[in-house]
Protein backbone atom coordinates (compact mmCIF):
# COMPACT_ATOMS: atom_id res chain seq x y z
CA VAL A 1 5.48 16.84 8.92
CA ARG A 2 5.49 14.74 12.16
CA TYR A 3 2.57 13.25 13.95
CA SER A 4 1.34 10.87 16.99
CA SER A 5 0.15 7.91 16.53
CA THR A 6 -0.93 4.75 19.16
CA ASP A 7 1.77 3.84 21.83
CA GLY A 8 3.82 6.84 21.74
CA TYR A 9 5.16 6.73 18.44
CA ASP A 10 6.12 10.21 16.60
CA ILE A 11 5.81 9.10 13.01
CA SER A 12 7.58 11.75 10.39
CA ALA A 13 6.20 11.83 6.75
CA TYR A 14 6.15 13.58 3.67
CA LEU A 15 3.34 15.72 2.98
CA TYR A 16 2.78 16.51 -1.04
CA THR A 17 0.34 19.44 -1.66
CA PRO A 18 -1.27 20.12 -4.84
CA ALA A 19 -0.26 23.48 -5.83
CA GLY A 20 -3.20 26.31 -6.68
CA LEU A 21 -5.46 25.13 -4.25
CA GLU A 22 -8.72 28.22 -4.31
CA GLY A 23 -10.05 28.27 -0.79
CA GLY A 24 -12.41 26.20 0.32
CA GLU A 25 -11.19 23.16 -2.11
CA ARG A 26 -11.32 19.98 -1.12
CA VAL A 27 -9.07 17.04 -2.55
CA PRO A 28 -8.70 13.81 -1.77
CA GLY A 29 -5.81 12.03 0.18
CA ILE A 30 -3.88 9.06 -0.49
CA LEU A 31 -1.13 7.30 1.91
CA TRP A 32 1.85 6.29 0.41
CA ILE A 33 3.84 3.03 1.78
CA HIS A 34 6.98 2.35 1.45
CA GLY A 35 8.92 -0.90 0.86
CA GLY A 36 10.69 -2.98 3.68
CA PRO A 37 9.57 -2.43 5.86
CA THR A 38 12.94 -1.77 7.14
CA SER A 39 13.36 1.14 4.83
CA GLN A 40 12.53 4.94 4.58
CA TYR A 41 11.30 7.94 2.80
CA HIS A 42 13.69 10.43 2.78
CA ASP A 43 14.52 13.52 0.51
CA THR A 44 14.37 11.76 -2.91
CA PHE A 45 12.25 12.79 -6.30
CA GLN A 46 8.92 11.00 -6.38
CA GLN A 47 7.57 10.85 -9.70
CA HIS A 48 4.92 7.95 -9.00
CA VAL A 49 3.86 10.27 -6.20
CA GLN A 50 4.20 13.76 -8.02
CA PHE A 51 1.78 12.52 -11.11
CA PHE A 52 -1.04 12.67 -8.53
CA VAL A 53 -0.06 15.07 -6.61
CA GLN A 54 0.15 17.41 -9.68
CA ARG A 55 -3.55 15.59 -9.99
CA GLY A 56 -5.23 16.90 -7.53
CA TYR A 57 -4.29 14.37 -4.99
CA ALA A 58 -2.25 15.36 -2.02
CA VAL A 59 -0.44 12.48 -0.73
CA LEU A 60 1.02 11.35 2.92
CA LEU A 61 4.72 9.32 2.61
CA PRO A 62 4.81 8.17 6.47
CA ASN A 63 8.01 6.70 7.94
CA ILE A 64 5.70 3.89 10.02
CA ARG A 65 6.84 1.80 12.88
CA GLY A 66 9.35 -0.75 11.35
CA SER A 67 11.28 1.78 9.05
CA SER A 68 15.06 2.26 9.61
CA GLY A 69 16.54 5.58 10.15
CA TYR A 70 15.10 6.15 13.85
CA GLY A 71 16.83 3.85 15.91
CA LYS A 72 16.64 0.28 16.40
CA ALA A 73 13.89 0.25 18.55
CA PHE A 74 11.53 2.17 16.14
CA GLU A 75 12.82 -0.49 13.67
CA ASN A 76 11.82 -3.47 15.78
CA GLY A 77 8.38 -1.29 16.89
CA ASN A 78 6.94 -3.74 14.35
CA ASN A 79 8.79 -6.81 14.97
CA GLY A 80 5.70 -9.84 15.30
CA CYS A 81 3.07 -7.67 14.86
CA TRP A 82 2.84 -7.21 10.85
CA GLY A 83 -0.43 -5.60 9.44
CA HIS A 84 -1.85 -4.42 12.79
CA CYS A 85 0.76 -2.29 15.23
CA ASP A 86 1.74 -0.53 11.90
CA LEU A 87 -1.22 -0.50 10.27
CA GLU A 88 -2.23 1.79 13.88
CA ASP A 89 0.37 4.52 11.92
CA VAL A 90 -1.05 4.56 8.56
CA VAL A 91 -4.16 4.83 10.03
CA ALA A 92 -3.27 7.69 12.22
CA GLY A 93 -1.62 9.03 8.94
CA VAL A 94 -5.42 9.00 7.51
CA GLU A 95 -6.36 10.94 10.75
CA TYR A 96 -3.72 13.58 10.35
CA LEU A 97 -4.79 14.30 6.58
CA LYS A 98 -8.32 14.45 7.40
CA GLY A 99 -7.13 17.74 10.13
CA LEU A 100 -6.01 19.63 7.33
CA GLY A 101 -8.48 22.22 5.92
CA TYR A 102 -8.29 20.90 2.25
CA VAL A 103 -8.80 17.03 2.23
CA ASP A 104 -11.76 16.09 1.71
CA GLN A 105 -12.63 13.47 4.58
CA SER A 106 -14.55 11.27 2.90
CA LYS A 107 -12.00 10.38 0.14
CA MET A 108 -8.84 8.40 1.28
CA GLY A 109 -6.58 6.18 -0.21
CA ILE A 110 -3.64 3.93 0.05
CA THR A 111 -0.95 2.65 -1.86
CA GLY A 112 2.42 1.03 -2.66
CA THR A 113 4.89 -1.55 -3.45
CA SER A 114 6.16 -4.49 -1.76
CA TYR A 115 5.46 -3.88 1.60
CA GLY A 116 3.77 -0.73 1.07
CA GLY A 117 1.28 -3.08 -1.18
CA ILE A 118 1.31 -5.54 1.83
CA MET A 119 0.18 -2.67 3.89
CA SER A 120 -2.31 -1.69 1.50
CA MET A 121 -3.85 -5.40 1.84
CA TYR A 122 -3.56 -5.17 5.74
CA ALA A 123 -5.77 -1.80 5.08
CA VAL A 124 -8.51 -3.25 3.45
CA ALA A 125 -8.34 -6.62 5.70
CA PHE A 126 -8.13 -5.47 8.73
CA ALA A 127 -9.29 -1.34 8.71
CA PRO A 128 -11.84 -1.93 6.27
CA ASP A 129 -14.12 1.71 6.46
CA VAL A 130 -10.69 3.42 6.71
CA PHE A 131 -10.31 3.78 3.31
CA GLN A 132 -12.51 4.60 0.34
CA ALA A 133 -10.14 2.63 -2.77
CA ALA A 134 -6.81 0.65 -2.47
CA ILE A 135 -4.23 -0.14 -5.03
CA PRO A 136 -1.95 -2.80 -3.71
CA GLY A 137 1.51 -3.37 -5.49
CA SER A 138 3.55 -6.68 -5.93
CA GLY A 139 2.26 -7.41 -2.66
CA TYR A 140 2.17 -10.56 0.03
CA SER A 141 -1.12 -11.82 1.29
CA ASP A 142 -0.56 -15.22 2.72
CA TRP A 143 2.95 -15.82 4.35
CA VAL A 144 1.85 -19.08 5.24
CA HIS A 145 1.54 -19.91 1.62
CA PHE A 146 4.43 -18.18 0.86
CA TYR A 147 6.79 -20.09 3.37
CA LYS A 148 5.71 -23.58 2.26
CA GLY A 149 6.34 -22.37 -1.48
CA GLU A 150 9.15 -21.98 -3.55
CA ASN A 151 10.87 -18.90 -2.38
CA GLU A 152 14.35 -17.17 -1.44
CA LEU A 153 16.15 -17.48 1.82
CA ARG A 154 16.61 -13.79 2.42
CA HIS A 155 12.97 -13.44 2.28
CA ILE A 156 12.63 -16.68 4.90
CA LYS A 157 15.89 -15.07 7.09
CA LEU A 158 13.49 -11.78 6.99
CA LEU A 159 9.96 -13.07 7.89
CA GLU A 160 11.95 -15.12 10.66
CA TYR A 161 13.40 -12.27 11.93
CA GLU A 162 10.35 -10.12 12.02
CA LEU A 163 7.78 -12.77 13.02
CA GLY A 164 9.60 -15.29 14.53
CA PRO A 165 10.50 -18.86 13.29
CA PHE A 166 7.79 -20.41 11.07
CA ALA A 167 7.81 -23.75 13.23
CA THR A 168 7.38 -22.14 16.48
CA SER A 169 5.39 -18.52 15.16
CA GLU A 170 2.95 -19.89 12.74
CA ASP A 171 -0.49 -18.61 14.36
CA ALA A 172 1.86 -15.01 14.31
CA TRP A 173 2.62 -16.04 10.19
CA ALA A 174 -1.47 -16.36 9.82
CA HIS A 175 -2.55 -13.55 11.84
CA SER A 176 0.09 -11.50 9.77
CA SER A 177 -1.44 -12.26 6.63
CA ALA A 178 -3.88 -10.16 4.74
CA ILE A 179 -5.96 -13.16 3.34
CA ASP A 180 -7.16 -13.46 7.14
CA GLY A 181 -9.47 -10.66 6.95
CA VAL A 182 -11.15 -10.94 3.43
CA ALA A 183 -13.94 -11.42 4.56
CA ASP A 184 -14.19 -8.01 5.98
CA VAL A 185 -13.35 -6.10 3.30
CA SER A 186 -15.36 -3.49 1.31
CA THR A 187 -12.72 -1.29 0.19
CA PRO A 188 -12.74 -1.07 -4.18
CA ILE A 189 -9.31 -2.60 -4.53
CA LEU A 190 -6.72 -2.50 -7.69
CA LEU A 191 -4.47 -5.27 -7.63
CA VAL A 192 -1.66 -5.02 -9.60
CA HIS A 193 1.84 -6.93 -10.57
CA GLY A 194 4.34 -7.15 -12.74
CA VAL A 195 4.37 -10.38 -14.76
CA GLY A 196 6.81 -12.62 -17.25
CA ARG A 197 10.32 -13.28 -16.63
CA TYR A 198 10.27 -14.73 -13.51
CA PRO A 199 7.22 -16.67 -11.91
CA GLY A 200 6.05 -15.24 -8.38
CA SER A 201 2.93 -13.25 -8.70
CA ASP A 202 0.86 -15.95 -7.21
CA GLN A 203 0.48 -14.12 -3.96
CA SER A 204 -1.78 -11.34 -5.83
CA GLU A 205 -3.20 -13.74 -7.86
CA ILE A 206 -4.15 -16.11 -4.23
CA PHE A 207 -5.51 -12.34 -2.62
CA ALA A 208 -7.14 -12.14 -5.87
CA ASN A 209 -8.81 -15.15 -5.96
CA ALA A 210 -9.82 -14.90 -2.46
CA LEU A 211 -11.40 -11.38 -2.93
CA GLU A 212 -13.52 -13.13 -5.62
CA ASN A 213 -14.52 -15.91 -3.61
CA HIS A 214 -16.04 -13.81 -0.84
CA TYR A 215 -17.74 -11.38 -3.68
CA LYS A 216 -15.56 -8.51 -3.04
CA PRO A 217 -14.93 -5.22 -5.49
CA PHE A 218 -11.47 -5.65 -6.96
CA ARG A 219 -9.82 -5.47 -10.52
CA TYR A 220 -6.43 -7.37 -11.53
CA GLU A 221 -4.15 -5.75 -13.54
CA THR A 222 -0.66 -7.70 -14.81
CA TYR A 223 1.99 -6.01 -16.68
CA GLU A 224 3.61 -8.23 -19.20
CA GLY A 225 7.56 -9.07 -19.16
CA GLU A 226 8.58 -7.80 -16.09
CA THR A 227 9.95 -9.18 -12.48
CA TYR A 228 7.50 -9.45 -9.37
CA TYR A 229 7.90 -5.51 -9.50
CA VAL A 230 6.67 -3.73 -12.53
CA ARG A 231 10.14 -1.41 -13.69
CA GLY A 232 9.56 -1.50 -17.51
CA LYS A 233 9.27 2.71 -18.20
CA ALA A 234 6.15 1.35 -20.88
CA ASN A 235 4.30 -0.84 -17.98
CA ARG A 236 5.26 1.89 -15.45
CA ARG A 237 3.83 4.71 -17.34
CA GLN A 238 0.48 2.17 -18.02
CA MET A 239 0.04 1.41 -14.47
CA LEU A 240 0.33 5.06 -13.23
CA LEU A 241 -2.28 5.76 -15.82
CA ASP A 242 -4.46 2.36 -14.52
CA MET A 243 -4.13 4.00 -10.95
CA LEU A 244 -5.44 7.05 -11.46
CA GLU A 245 -7.82 5.78 -13.47
CA PHE A 246 -8.99 3.63 -10.40
CA PHE A 247 -8.76 6.41 -7.75
CA ASP A 248 -10.59 9.16 -10.03
CA GLN A 249 -13.39 6.47 -10.65
CA PHE A 250 -13.61 6.02 -6.51
CA LEU A 251 -12.30 9.05 -4.88
CA LYS A 252 -13.37 11.91 -7.24
CA ASP A 253 -16.71 10.38 -7.61
CA GLY A 254 -16.01 9.30 -11.82
CA VAL A 255 -14.52 12.46 -12.63
CA VAL A 256 -11.49 10.69 -14.22
CA THR A 257 -8.14 13.60 -15.00
CA ASN A 258 -7.82 14.09 -18.62
CA VAL A 259 -4.84 12.80 -19.13
CA ARG A 260 -3.16 11.03 -22.48
CA ARG A 261 -3.05 7.11 -21.91
CA ALA A 262 -0.44 4.98 -23.60
CA SER A 263 -0.80 2.24 -25.77
CA SER A 264 -2.44 -0.93 -24.88
CA ARG A 265 0.08 -3.58 -23.44
């Protein structure tokens, strides 16, 4: 599908709709944001997305500005404005879902991993009234802290290309840090992150601590024996069940989908 965003951007997206919807039925919507941000959704099987679609969610996978595959100008469209200009494409995606007759306009969620997790943090911080539930996966919340901590050169080079050299663009790095908007958060949040073999989960923990200091509604789940991301089969299964329980709680008024839970972590 395609929809229009601000500044003349035409956004391509994949729309997944639950099968067997009856006339007048309304289902919750989820925006699922890809990583990168210089990456894209294409014609591949999305098992995590299918998990939610089969359980009664309409899911939109947008290739927002900054994505690859649509020309260099589009790819550079979010340079210097992470979490603000590209967030507009996400909010426009919400409006697209709301225009579908079978989507409940009052029940919108957002999730994603890596930059998708970052965008989920941006959404709750900088668009606090748009979503009713958010699940940031393995995201980064504070780029200034990130720069001054231990990190890989490739990540620094990416940030410098997208946001400018830190020495001259620290304000842009701070402006694109979700932690800058924690005081405005009103959306219930489930933070999910891998831990165990390597350090690096501190960015979700930093966001969790900031949320707690501002008395914001959140849960923080970690999965052992992982890296920054959750890749192991058992942990991914458990994470999906945790995500489903959370989205059901806030997007289906607590009517939890009947699925068999995995063994405890």
